[in-house]
Amino acid sequence: LGIQPSGFFRSLCYSLVYFAIFKGAGIL
């Protein structure tokens, strides 16, 4: 299901980058 320690840091980093891009584009 994806509920495990492995891959957590990459999952968090990728999604944070997307969040920043998404919010930045929305504000612009």
mmCIF file of all heavy atoms, coordinates in Angstrom:
data_MODEL
# 
_entry.id   MODEL 
# 
loop_
_atom_site.group_PDB 
_atom_site.id 
_atom_site.type_symbol 
_atom_site.label_atom_id 
_atom_site.label_alt_id 
_atom_site.label_comp_id 
_atom_site.label_asym_id 
_atom_site.label_entity_id 
_atom_site.label_seq_id 
_atom_site.pdbx_PDB_ins_code 
_atom_site.Cartn_x 
_atom_site.Cartn_y 
_atom_site.Cartn_z 
_atom_site.occupancy 
_atom_site.B_iso_or_equiv 
_atom_site.pdbx_formal_charge 
_atom_site.auth_seq_id 
_atom_site.auth_comp_id 
_atom_site.auth_asym_id 
_atom_site.auth_atom_id 
_atom_site.pdbx_PDB_model_num 
ATOM 1   N N   . LEU A 1 1  ? 0.817  -1.216 0.000   1.00 0.00 ? 1  LEU A N   1 
ATOM 2   C CA  . LEU A 1 1  ? 0.000  0.000  0.000   1.00 0.00 ? 1  LEU A CA  1 
ATOM 3   C C   . LEU A 1 1  ? 0.848  1.263  0.000   1.00 0.00 ? 1  LEU A C   1 
ATOM 4   O O   . LEU A 1 1  ? 0.345  2.344  -0.311  1.00 0.00 ? 1  LEU A O   1 
ATOM 5   C CB  . LEU A 1 1  ? -0.919 0.012  1.223   1.00 0.00 ? 1  LEU A CB  1 
ATOM 6   C CG  . LEU A 1 1  ? -2.109 -0.942 1.221   1.00 0.00 ? 1  LEU A CG  1 
ATOM 7   C CD1 . LEU A 1 1  ? -2.759 -0.974 2.596   1.00 0.00 ? 1  LEU A CD1 1 
ATOM 8   C CD2 . LEU A 1 1  ? -3.130 -0.550 0.171   1.00 0.00 ? 1  LEU A CD2 1 
ATOM 9   N N   . GLY A 1 2  ? 2.122  1.139  0.370   1.00 0.00 ? 2  GLY A N   1 
ATOM 10  C CA  . GLY A 1 2  ? 2.995  2.308  0.452   1.00 0.00 ? 2  GLY A CA  1 
ATOM 11  C C   . GLY A 1 2  ? 3.135  2.839  1.854   1.00 0.00 ? 2  GLY A C   1 
ATOM 12  O O   . GLY A 1 2  ? 3.664  3.944  2.056   1.00 0.00 ? 2  GLY A O   1 
ATOM 13  N N   . ILE A 1 3  ? 2.664  2.076  2.844   1.00 0.00 ? 3  ILE A N   1 
ATOM 14  C CA  . ILE A 1 3  ? 2.802  2.486  4.247   1.00 0.00 ? 3  ILE A CA  1 
ATOM 15  C C   . ILE A 1 3  ? 4.024  1.775  4.813   1.00 0.00 ? 3  ILE A C   1 
ATOM 16  O O   . ILE A 1 3  ? 3.945  0.669  5.363   1.00 0.00 ? 3  ILE A O   1 
ATOM 17  C CB  . ILE A 1 3  ? 1.533  2.145  5.048   1.00 0.00 ? 3  ILE A CB  1 
ATOM 18  C CG1 . ILE A 1 3  ? 0.325  2.823  4.414   1.00 0.00 ? 3  ILE A CG1 1 
ATOM 19  C CG2 . ILE A 1 3  ? 1.684  2.575  6.503   1.00 0.00 ? 3  ILE A CG2 1 
ATOM 20  C CD1 . ILE A 1 3  ? -0.998 2.484  5.081   1.00 0.00 ? 3  ILE A CD1 1 
ATOM 21  N N   . GLN A 1 4  ? 5.182  2.398  4.632   1.00 0.00 ? 4  GLN A N   1 
ATOM 22  C CA  . GLN A 1 4  ? 6.451  1.811  5.034   1.00 0.00 ? 4  GLN A CA  1 
ATOM 23  C C   . GLN A 1 4  ? 7.499  2.917  5.132   1.00 0.00 ? 4  GLN A C   1 
ATOM 24  O O   . GLN A 1 4  ? 7.364  3.975  4.525   1.00 0.00 ? 4  GLN A O   1 
ATOM 25  C CB  . GLN A 1 4  ? 6.898  0.765  4.008   1.00 0.00 ? 4  GLN A CB  1 
ATOM 26  C CG  . GLN A 1 4  ? 7.046  1.343  2.602   1.00 0.00 ? 4  GLN A CG  1 
ATOM 27  C CD  . GLN A 1 4  ? 7.681  0.375  1.631   1.00 0.00 ? 4  GLN A CD  1 
ATOM 28  O OE1 . GLN A 1 4  ? 8.442  -0.506 2.025   1.00 0.00 ? 4  GLN A OE1 1 
ATOM 29  N NE2 . GLN A 1 4  ? 7.365  0.524  0.348   1.00 0.00 ? 4  GLN A NE2 1 
ATOM 30  N N   . PRO A 1 5  ? 8.571  2.694  5.902   1.00 0.00 ? 5  PRO A N   1 
ATOM 31  C CA  . PRO A 1 5  ? 9.630  3.715  6.008   1.00 0.00 ? 5  PRO A CA  1 
ATOM 32  C C   . PRO A 1 5  ? 10.379 3.925  4.689   1.00 0.00 ? 5  PRO A C   1 
ATOM 33  O O   . PRO A 1 5  ? 10.748 5.051  4.359   1.00 0.00 ? 5  PRO A O   1 
ATOM 34  C CB  . PRO A 1 5  ? 10.563 3.145  7.085   1.00 0.00 ? 5  PRO A CB  1 
ATOM 35  C CG  . PRO A 1 5  ? 9.742  2.143  7.827   1.00 0.00 ? 5  PRO A CG  1 
ATOM 36  C CD  . PRO A 1 5  ? 8.793  1.568  6.838   1.00 0.00 ? 5  PRO A CD  1 
ATOM 37  N N   . SER A 1 6  ? 10.595 2.840  3.951   1.00 0.00 ? 6  SER A N   1 
ATOM 38  C CA  . SER A 1 6  ? 11.358 2.938  2.702   1.00 0.00 ? 6  SER A CA  1 
ATOM 39  C C   . SER A 1 6  ? 10.651 3.844  1.696   1.00 0.00 ? 6  SER A C   1 
ATOM 40  O O   . SER A 1 6  ? 9.458  3.689  1.434   1.00 0.00 ? 6  SER A O   1 
ATOM 41  C CB  . SER A 1 6  ? 11.533 1.540  2.094   1.00 0.00 ? 6  SER A CB  1 
ATOM 42  O OG  . SER A 1 6  ? 12.185 1.609  0.848   1.00 0.00 ? 6  SER A OG  1 
ATOM 43  N N   . GLY A 1 7  ? 11.398 4.783  1.147   1.00 0.00 ? 7  GLY A N   1 
ATOM 44  C CA  . GLY A 1 7  ? 10.848 5.687  0.143   1.00 0.00 ? 7  GLY A CA  1 
ATOM 45  C C   . GLY A 1 7  ? 10.160 6.909  0.704   1.00 0.00 ? 7  GLY A C   1 
ATOM 46  O O   . GLY A 1 7  ? 9.726  7.783  -0.058  1.00 0.00 ? 7  GLY A O   1 
ATOM 47  N N   . PHE A 1 8  ? 10.063 7.005  2.031   1.00 0.00 ? 8  PHE A N   1 
ATOM 48  C CA  . PHE A 1 8  ? 9.343  8.140  2.637   1.00 0.00 ? 8  PHE A CA  1 
ATOM 49  C C   . PHE A 1 8  ? 10.000 9.471  2.288   1.00 0.00 ? 8  PHE A C   1 
ATOM 50  O O   . PHE A 1 8  ? 9.311  10.432 1.910   1.00 0.00 ? 8  PHE A O   1 
ATOM 51  C CB  . PHE A 1 8  ? 9.279  7.974  4.153   1.00 0.00 ? 8  PHE A CB  1 
ATOM 52  C CG  . PHE A 1 8  ? 8.832  9.218  4.869   1.00 0.00 ? 8  PHE A CG  1 
ATOM 53  C CD1 . PHE A 1 8  ? 7.509  9.635  4.805   1.00 0.00 ? 8  PHE A CD1 1 
ATOM 54  C CD2 . PHE A 1 8  ? 9.728  9.986  5.591   1.00 0.00 ? 8  PHE A CD2 1 
ATOM 55  C CE1 . PHE A 1 8  ? 7.089  10.793 5.459   1.00 0.00 ? 8  PHE A CE1 1 
ATOM 56  C CE2 . PHE A 1 8  ? 9.325  11.145 6.247   1.00 0.00 ? 8  PHE A CE2 1 
ATOM 57  C CZ  . PHE A 1 8  ? 8.010  11.539 6.176   1.00 0.00 ? 8  PHE A CZ  1 
ATOM 58  N N   . PHE A 1 9  ? 11.321 9.556  2.416   1.00 0.00 ? 9  PHE A N   1 
ATOM 59  C CA  . PHE A 1 9  ? 12.006 10.828 2.185   1.00 0.00 ? 9  PHE A CA  1 
ATOM 60  C C   . PHE A 1 9  ? 11.832 11.282 0.736   1.00 0.00 ? 9  PHE A C   1 
ATOM 61  O O   . PHE A 1 9  ? 11.563 12.456 0.482   1.00 0.00 ? 9  PHE A O   1 
ATOM 62  C CB  . PHE A 1 9  ? 13.488 10.693 2.526   1.00 0.00 ? 9  PHE A CB  1 
ATOM 63  C CG  . PHE A 1 9  ? 14.257 11.985 2.396   1.00 0.00 ? 9  PHE A CG  1 
ATOM 64  C CD1 . PHE A 1 9  ? 14.085 13.007 3.315   1.00 0.00 ? 9  PHE A CD1 1 
ATOM 65  C CD2 . PHE A 1 9  ? 15.142 12.178 1.344   1.00 0.00 ? 9  PHE A CD2 1 
ATOM 66  C CE1 . PHE A 1 9  ? 14.780 14.203 3.190   1.00 0.00 ? 9  PHE A CE1 1 
ATOM 67  C CE2 . PHE A 1 9  ? 15.842 13.368 1.212   1.00 0.00 ? 9  PHE A CE2 1 
ATOM 68  C CZ  . PHE A 1 9  ? 15.658 14.380 2.133   1.00 0.00 ? 9  PHE A CZ  1 
ATOM 69  N N   . ARG A 1 10 ? 11.969 10.359 -0.213  1.00 0.00 ? 10 ARG A N   1 
ATOM 70  C CA  . ARG A 1 10 ? 11.783 10.731 -1.622  1.00 0.00 ? 10 ARG A CA  1 
ATOM 71  C C   . ARG A 1 10 ? 10.334 11.143 -1.884  1.00 0.00 ? 10 ARG A C   1 
ATOM 72  O O   . ARG A 1 10 ? 10.064 12.117 -2.606  1.00 0.00 ? 10 ARG A O   1 
ATOM 73  C CB  . ARG A 1 10 ? 12.164 9.566  -2.527  1.00 0.00 ? 10 ARG A CB  1 
ATOM 74  C CG  . ARG A 1 10 ? 13.659 9.318  -2.627  1.00 0.00 ? 10 ARG A CG  1 
ATOM 75  C CD  . ARG A 1 10 ? 13.977 8.362  -3.752  1.00 0.00 ? 10 ARG A CD  1 
ATOM 76  N NE  . ARG A 1 10 ? 13.303 7.080  -3.559  1.00 0.00 ? 10 ARG A NE  1 
ATOM 77  C CZ  . ARG A 1 10 ? 12.793 6.348  -4.539  1.00 0.00 ? 10 ARG A CZ  1 
ATOM 78  N NH1 . ARG A 1 10 ? 12.844 6.780  -5.787  1.00 0.00 ? 10 ARG A NH1 1 
ATOM 79  N NH2 . ARG A 1 10 ? 12.223 5.190  -4.284  1.00 0.00 ? 10 ARG A NH2 1 
ATOM 80  N N   . SER A 1 11 ? 9.393  10.398 -1.312  1.00 0.00 ? 11 SER A N   1 
ATOM 81  C CA  . SER A 1 11 ? 7.981  10.742 -1.476  1.00 0.00 ? 11 SER A CA  1 
ATOM 82  C C   . SER A 1 11 ? 7.688  12.137 -0.944  1.00 0.00 ? 11 SER A C   1 
ATOM 83  O O   . SER A 1 11 ? 6.994  12.934 -1.585  1.00 0.00 ? 11 SER A O   1 
ATOM 84  C CB  . SER A 1 11 ? 7.127  9.700  -0.748  1.00 0.00 ? 11 SER A CB  1 
ATOM 85  O OG  . SER A 1 11 ? 5.772  10.071 -0.725  1.00 0.00 ? 11 SER A OG  1 
ATOM 86  N N   . LEU A 1 12 ? 8.247  12.441 0.219   1.00 0.00 ? 12 LEU A N   1 
ATOM 87  C CA  . LEU A 1 12 ? 8.030  13.754 0.830   1.00 0.00 ? 12 LEU A CA  1 
ATOM 88  C C   . LEU A 1 12 ? 8.668  14.859 -0.005  1.00 0.00 ? 12 LEU A C   1 
ATOM 89  O O   . LEU A 1 12 ? 8.042  15.901 -0.266  1.00 0.00 ? 12 LEU A O   1 
ATOM 90  C CB  . LEU A 1 12 ? 8.598  13.763 2.242   1.00 0.00 ? 12 LEU A CB  1 
ATOM 91  C CG  . LEU A 1 12 ? 8.447  15.062 3.035   1.00 0.00 ? 12 LEU A CG  1 
ATOM 92  C CD1 . LEU A 1 12 ? 6.984  15.404 3.231   1.00 0.00 ? 12 LEU A CD1 1 
ATOM 93  C CD2 . LEU A 1 12 ? 9.162  14.958 4.381   1.00 0.00 ? 12 LEU A CD2 1 
ATOM 94  N N   . CYS A 1 13 ? 9.899  14.646 -0.452  1.00 0.00 ? 13 CYS A N   1 
ATOM 95  C CA  . CYS A 1 13 ? 10.609 15.676 -1.226  1.00 0.00 ? 13 CYS A CA  1 
ATOM 96  C C   . CYS A 1 13 ? 9.931  15.949 -2.557  1.00 0.00 ? 13 CYS A C   1 
ATOM 97  O O   . CYS A 1 13 ? 9.714  17.111 -2.932  1.00 0.00 ? 13 CYS A O   1 
ATOM 98  C CB  . CYS A 1 13 ? 12.058 15.257 -1.444  1.00 0.00 ? 13 CYS A CB  1 
ATOM 99  S SG  . CYS A 1 13 ? 13.079 15.326 0.041   1.00 0.00 ? 13 CYS A SG  1 
ATOM 100 N N   . TYR A 1 14 ? 9.589  14.900 -3.296  1.00 0.00 ? 14 TYR A N   1 
ATOM 101 C CA  . TYR A 1 14 ? 8.928  15.072 -4.594  1.00 0.00 ? 14 TYR A CA  1 
ATOM 102 C C   . TYR A 1 14 ? 7.606  15.825 -4.442  1.00 0.00 ? 14 TYR A C   1 
ATOM 103 O O   . TYR A 1 14 ? 7.300  16.744 -5.221  1.00 0.00 ? 14 TYR A O   1 
ATOM 104 C CB  . TYR A 1 14 ? 8.651  13.711 -5.249  1.00 0.00 ? 14 TYR A CB  1 
ATOM 105 C CG  . TYR A 1 14 ? 9.874  12.963 -5.699  1.00 0.00 ? 14 TYR A CG  1 
ATOM 106 C CD1 . TYR A 1 14 ? 9.820  11.584 -5.899  1.00 0.00 ? 14 TYR A CD1 1 
ATOM 107 C CD2 . TYR A 1 14 ? 11.083 13.608 -5.930  1.00 0.00 ? 14 TYR A CD2 1 
ATOM 108 C CE1 . TYR A 1 14 ? 10.934 10.871 -6.315  1.00 0.00 ? 14 TYR A CE1 1 
ATOM 109 C CE2 . TYR A 1 14 ? 12.202 12.906 -6.345  1.00 0.00 ? 14 TYR A CE2 1 
ATOM 110 C CZ  . TYR A 1 14 ? 12.127 11.542 -6.532  1.00 0.00 ? 14 TYR A CZ  1 
ATOM 111 O OH  . TYR A 1 14 ? 13.223 10.834 -6.947  1.00 0.00 ? 14 TYR A OH  1 
ATOM 112 N N   . SER A 1 15 ? 6.817  15.425 -3.449  1.00 0.00 ? 15 SER A N   1 
ATOM 113 C CA  . SER A 1 15 ? 5.505  16.049 -3.285  1.00 0.00 ? 15 SER A CA  1 
ATOM 114 C C   . SER A 1 15 ? 5.614  17.481 -2.764  1.00 0.00 ? 15 SER A C   1 
ATOM 115 O O   . SER A 1 15 ? 4.805  18.340 -3.123  1.00 0.00 ? 15 SER A O   1 
ATOM 116 C CB  . SER A 1 15 ? 4.609  15.196 -2.379  1.00 0.00 ? 15 SER A CB  1 
ATOM 117 O OG  . SER A 1 15 ? 5.274  14.800 -1.205  1.00 0.00 ? 15 SER A OG  1 
ATOM 118 N N   . LEU A 1 16 ? 6.641  17.766 -1.957  1.00 0.00 ? 16 LEU A N   1 
ATOM 119 C CA  . LEU A 1 16 ? 6.858  19.143 -1.498  1.00 0.00 ? 16 LEU A CA  1 
ATOM 120 C C   . LEU A 1 16 ? 7.253  20.050 -2.658  1.00 0.00 ? 16 LEU A C   1 
ATOM 121 O O   . LEU A 1 16 ? 6.809  21.200 -2.735  1.00 0.00 ? 16 LEU A O   1 
ATOM 122 C CB  . LEU A 1 16 ? 7.939  19.177 -0.416  1.00 0.00 ? 16 LEU A CB  1 
ATOM 123 C CG  . LEU A 1 16 ? 7.501  18.816 1.005   1.00 0.00 ? 16 LEU A CG  1 
ATOM 124 C CD1 . LEU A 1 16 ? 8.714  18.759 1.936   1.00 0.00 ? 16 LEU A CD1 1 
ATOM 125 C CD2 . LEU A 1 16 ? 6.479  19.817 1.540   1.00 0.00 ? 16 LEU A CD2 1 
ATOM 126 N N   . VAL A 1 17 ? 8.083  19.542 -3.550  1.00 0.00 ? 17 VAL A N   1 
ATOM 127 C CA  . VAL A 1 17 ? 8.469  20.317 -4.738  1.00 0.00 ? 17 VAL A CA  1 
ATOM 128 C C   . VAL A 1 17 ? 7.235  20.624 -5.578  1.00 0.00 ? 17 VAL A C   1 
ATOM 129 O O   . VAL A 1 17 ? 7.030  21.760 -6.033  1.00 0.00 ? 17 VAL A O   1 
ATOM 130 C CB  . VAL A 1 17 ? 9.519  19.560 -5.563  1.00 0.00 ? 17 VAL A CB  1 
ATOM 131 C CG1 . VAL A 1 17 ? 9.715  20.225 -6.931  1.00 0.00 ? 17 VAL A CG1 1 
ATOM 132 C CG2 . VAL A 1 17 ? 10.841 19.503 -4.824  1.00 0.00 ? 17 VAL A CG2 1 
ATOM 133 N N   . TYR A 1 18 ? 6.390  19.618 -5.770  1.00 0.00 ? 18 TYR A N   1 
ATOM 134 C CA  . TYR A 1 18 ? 5.175  19.835 -6.552  1.00 0.00 ? 18 TYR A CA  1 
ATOM 135 C C   . TYR A 1 18 ? 4.250  20.832 -5.857  1.00 0.00 ? 18 TYR A C   1 
ATOM 136 O O   . TYR A 1 18 ? 3.648  21.699 -6.504  1.00 0.00 ? 18 TYR A O   1 
ATOM 137 C CB  . TYR A 1 18 ? 4.444  18.514 -6.784  1.00 0.00 ? 18 TYR A CB  1 
ATOM 138 C CG  . TYR A 1 18 ? 3.194  18.680 -7.613  1.00 0.00 ? 18 TYR A CG  1 
ATOM 139 C CD1 . TYR A 1 18 ? 3.263  19.005 -8.960  1.00 0.00 ? 18 TYR A CD1 1 
ATOM 140 C CD2 . TYR A 1 18 ? 1.928  18.548 -7.041  1.00 0.00 ? 18 TYR A CD2 1 
ATOM 141 C CE1 . TYR A 1 18 ? 2.126  19.178 -9.727  1.00 0.00 ? 18 TYR A CE1 1 
ATOM 142 C CE2 . TYR A 1 18 ? 0.780  18.717 -7.797  1.00 0.00 ? 18 TYR A CE2 1 
ATOM 143 C CZ  . TYR A 1 18 ? 0.888  19.027 -9.131  1.00 0.00 ? 18 TYR A CZ  1 
ATOM 144 O OH  . TYR A 1 18 ? -0.246 19.201 -9.883  1.00 0.00 ? 18 TYR A OH  1 
ATOM 145 N N   . PHE A 1 19 ? 4.143  20.725 -4.539  1.00 0.00 ? 19 PHE A N   1 
ATOM 146 C CA  . PHE A 1 19 ? 3.314  21.652 -3.763  1.00 0.00 ? 19 PHE A CA  1 
ATOM 147 C C   . PHE A 1 19 ? 3.799  23.089 -3.951  1.00 0.00 ? 19 PHE A C   1 
ATOM 148 O O   . PHE A 1 19 ? 2.999  24.006 -4.171  1.00 0.00 ? 19 PHE A O   1 
ATOM 149 C CB  . PHE A 1 19 ? 3.361  21.269 -2.283  1.00 0.00 ? 19 PHE A CB  1 
ATOM 150 C CG  . PHE A 1 19 ? 2.675  22.242 -1.370  1.00 0.00 ? 19 PHE A CG  1 
ATOM 151 C CD1 . PHE A 1 19 ? 1.296  22.319 -1.317  1.00 0.00 ? 19 PHE A CD1 1 
ATOM 152 C CD2 . PHE A 1 19 ? 3.411  23.097 -0.558  1.00 0.00 ? 19 PHE A CD2 1 
ATOM 153 C CE1 . PHE A 1 19 ? 0.652  23.217 -0.472  1.00 0.00 ? 19 PHE A CE1 1 
ATOM 154 C CE2 . PHE A 1 19 ? 2.785  23.999 0.284   1.00 0.00 ? 19 PHE A CE2 1 
ATOM 155 C CZ  . PHE A 1 19 ? 1.402  24.058 0.329   1.00 0.00 ? 19 PHE A CZ  1 
ATOM 156 N N   . ALA A 1 20 ? 5.112  23.290 -3.890  1.00 0.00 ? 20 ALA A N   1 
ATOM 157 C CA  . ALA A 1 20 ? 5.677  24.630 -4.042  1.00 0.00 ? 20 ALA A CA  1 
ATOM 158 C C   . ALA A 1 20 ? 5.405  25.181 -5.448  1.00 0.00 ? 20 ALA A C   1 
ATOM 159 O O   . ALA A 1 20 ? 5.028  26.346 -5.613  1.00 0.00 ? 20 ALA A O   1 
ATOM 160 C CB  . ALA A 1 20 ? 7.178  24.603 -3.766  1.00 0.00 ? 20 ALA A CB  1 
ATOM 161 N N   . ILE A 1 21 ? 5.578  24.331 -6.459  1.00 0.00 ? 21 ILE A N   1 
ATOM 162 C CA  . ILE A 1 21 ? 5.322  24.751 -7.843  1.00 0.00 ? 21 ILE A CA  1 
ATOM 163 C C   . ILE A 1 21 ? 3.837  25.074 -8.039  1.00 0.00 ? 21 ILE A C   1 
ATOM 164 O O   . ILE A 1 21 ? 3.469  26.095 -8.635  1.00 0.00 ? 21 ILE A O   1 
ATOM 165 C CB  . ILE A 1 21 ? 5.765  23.658 -8.832  1.00 0.00 ? 21 ILE A CB  1 
ATOM 166 C CG1 . ILE A 1 21 ? 7.282  23.482 -8.788  1.00 0.00 ? 21 ILE A CG1 1 
ATOM 167 C CG2 . ILE A 1 21 ? 5.299  23.984 -10.254 1.00 0.00 ? 21 ILE A CG2 1 
ATOM 168 C CD1 . ILE A 1 21 ? 7.791  22.317 -9.602  1.00 0.00 ? 21 ILE A CD1 1 
ATOM 169 N N   . PHE A 1 22 ? 2.987  24.202 -7.528  1.00 0.00 ? 22 PHE A N   1 
ATOM 170 C CA  . PHE A 1 22 ? 1.542  24.367 -7.661  1.00 0.00 ? 22 PHE A CA  1 
ATOM 171 C C   . PHE A 1 22 ? 1.068  25.663 -7.009  1.00 0.00 ? 22 PHE A C   1 
ATOM 172 O O   . PHE A 1 22 ? 0.328  26.450 -7.600  1.00 0.00 ? 22 PHE A O   1 
ATOM 173 C CB  . PHE A 1 22 ? 0.842  23.163 -7.025  1.00 0.00 ? 22 PHE A CB  1 
ATOM 174 C CG  . PHE A 1 22 ? -0.649 23.159 -7.173  1.00 0.00 ? 22 PHE A CG  1 
ATOM 175 C CD1 . PHE A 1 22 ? -1.256 22.567 -8.265  1.00 0.00 ? 22 PHE A CD1 1 
ATOM 176 C CD2 . PHE A 1 22 ? -1.462 23.744 -6.203  1.00 0.00 ? 22 PHE A CD2 1 
ATOM 177 C CE1 . PHE A 1 22 ? -2.630 22.551 -8.397  1.00 0.00 ? 22 PHE A CE1 1 
ATOM 178 C CE2 . PHE A 1 22 ? -2.841 23.744 -6.326  1.00 0.00 ? 22 PHE A CE2 1 
ATOM 179 C CZ  . PHE A 1 22 ? -3.433 23.142 -7.419  1.00 0.00 ? 22 PHE A CZ  1 
ATOM 180 N N   . LYS A 1 23 ? 1.520  25.902 -5.774  1.00 0.00 ? 23 LYS A N   1 
ATOM 181 C CA  . LYS A 1 23 ? 1.101  27.110 -5.071  1.00 0.00 ? 23 LYS A CA  1 
ATOM 182 C C   . LYS A 1 23 ? 1.688  28.357 -5.713  1.00 0.00 ? 23 LYS A C   1 
ATOM 183 O O   . LYS A 1 23 ? 1.003  29.380 -5.837  1.00 0.00 ? 23 LYS A O   1 
ATOM 184 C CB  . LYS A 1 23 ? 1.524  27.025 -3.599  1.00 0.00 ? 23 LYS A CB  1 
ATOM 185 C CG  . LYS A 1 23 ? 0.826  25.936 -2.810  1.00 0.00 ? 23 LYS A CG  1 
ATOM 186 C CD  . LYS A 1 23 ? -0.670 26.145 -2.729  1.00 0.00 ? 23 LYS A CD  1 
ATOM 187 C CE  . LYS A 1 23 ? -1.027 27.368 -1.904  1.00 0.00 ? 23 LYS A CE  1 
ATOM 188 N NZ  . LYS A 1 23 ? -2.503 27.520 -1.758  1.00 0.00 ? 23 LYS A NZ  1 
ATOM 189 N N   . GLY A 1 24 ? 2.949  28.281 -6.120  1.00 0.00 ? 24 GLY A N   1 
ATOM 190 C CA  . GLY A 1 24 ? 3.575  29.423 -6.766  1.00 0.00 ? 24 GLY A CA  1 
ATOM 191 C C   . GLY A 1 24 ? 2.894  29.795 -8.065  1.00 0.00 ? 24 GLY A C   1 
ATOM 192 O O   . GLY A 1 24 ? 2.639  30.978 -8.337  1.00 0.00 ? 24 GLY A O   1 
ATOM 193 N N   . ALA A 1 25 ? 2.569  28.787 -8.875  1.00 0.00 ? 25 ALA A N   1 
ATOM 194 C CA  . ALA A 1 25 ? 1.887  29.037 -10.145 1.00 0.00 ? 25 ALA A CA  1 
ATOM 195 C C   . ALA A 1 25 ? 0.497  29.623 -9.904  1.00 0.00 ? 25 ALA A C   1 
ATOM 196 O O   . ALA A 1 25 ? 0.046  30.513 -10.636 1.00 0.00 ? 25 ALA A O   1 
ATOM 197 C CB  . ALA A 1 25 ? 1.781  27.738 -10.947 1.00 0.00 ? 25 ALA A CB  1 
ATOM 198 N N   . GLY A 1 26 ? -0.187 29.123 -8.858  1.00 0.00 ? 26 GLY A N   1 
ATOM 199 C CA  . GLY A 1 26 ? -1.512 29.647 -8.549  1.00 0.00 ? 26 GLY A CA  1 
ATOM 200 C C   . GLY A 1 26 ? -1.484 31.101 -8.133  1.00 0.00 ? 26 GLY A C   1 
ATOM 201 O O   . GLY A 1 26 ? -2.342 31.895 -8.539  1.00 0.00 ? 26 GLY A O   1 
ATOM 202 N N   . ILE A 1 27 ? -0.492 31.472 -7.350  1.00 0.00 ? 27 ILE A N   1 
ATOM 203 C CA  . ILE A 1 27 ? -0.367 32.866 -6.905  1.00 0.00 ? 27 ILE A CA  1 
ATOM 204 C C   . ILE A 1 27 ? -0.031 33.769 -8.090  1.00 0.00 ? 27 ILE A C   1 
ATOM 205 O O   . ILE A 1 27 ? -0.579 34.876 -8.231  1.00 0.00 ? 27 ILE A O   1 
ATOM 206 C CB  . ILE A 1 27 ? 0.705  32.980 -5.810  1.00 0.00 ? 27 ILE A CB  1 
ATOM 207 C CG1 . ILE A 1 27 ? 0.218  32.302 -4.531  1.00 0.00 ? 27 ILE A CG1 1 
ATOM 208 C CG2 . ILE A 1 27 ? 1.041  34.446 -5.532  1.00 0.00 ? 27 ILE A CG2 1 
ATOM 209 C CD1 . ILE A 1 27 ? 1.256  32.225 -3.441  1.00 0.00 ? 27 ILE A CD1 1 
ATOM 210 N N   . LEU A 1 28 ? 0.863  33.315 -8.965  1.00 0.00 ? 28 LEU A N   1 
ATOM 211 C CA  . LEU A 1 28 ? 1.217  34.110 -10.145 1.00 0.00 ? 28 LEU A CA  1 
ATOM 212 C C   . LEU A 1 28 ? 0.025  34.290 -11.079 1.00 0.00 ? 28 LEU A C   1 
ATOM 213 O O   . LEU A 1 28 ? -0.160 35.356 -11.676 1.00 0.00 ? 28 LEU A O   1 
ATOM 214 C CB  . LEU A 1 28 ? 2.372  33.441 -10.893 1.00 0.00 ? 28 LEU A CB  1 
ATOM 215 C CG  . LEU A 1 28 ? 3.752  33.508 -10.233 1.00 0.00 ? 28 LEU A CG  1 
ATOM 216 C CD1 . LEU A 1 28 ? 4.760  32.707 -11.042 1.00 0.00 ? 28 LEU A CD1 1 
ATOM 217 C CD2 . LEU A 1 28 ? 4.218  34.963 -10.093 1.00 0.00 ? 28 LEU A CD2 1 
# 
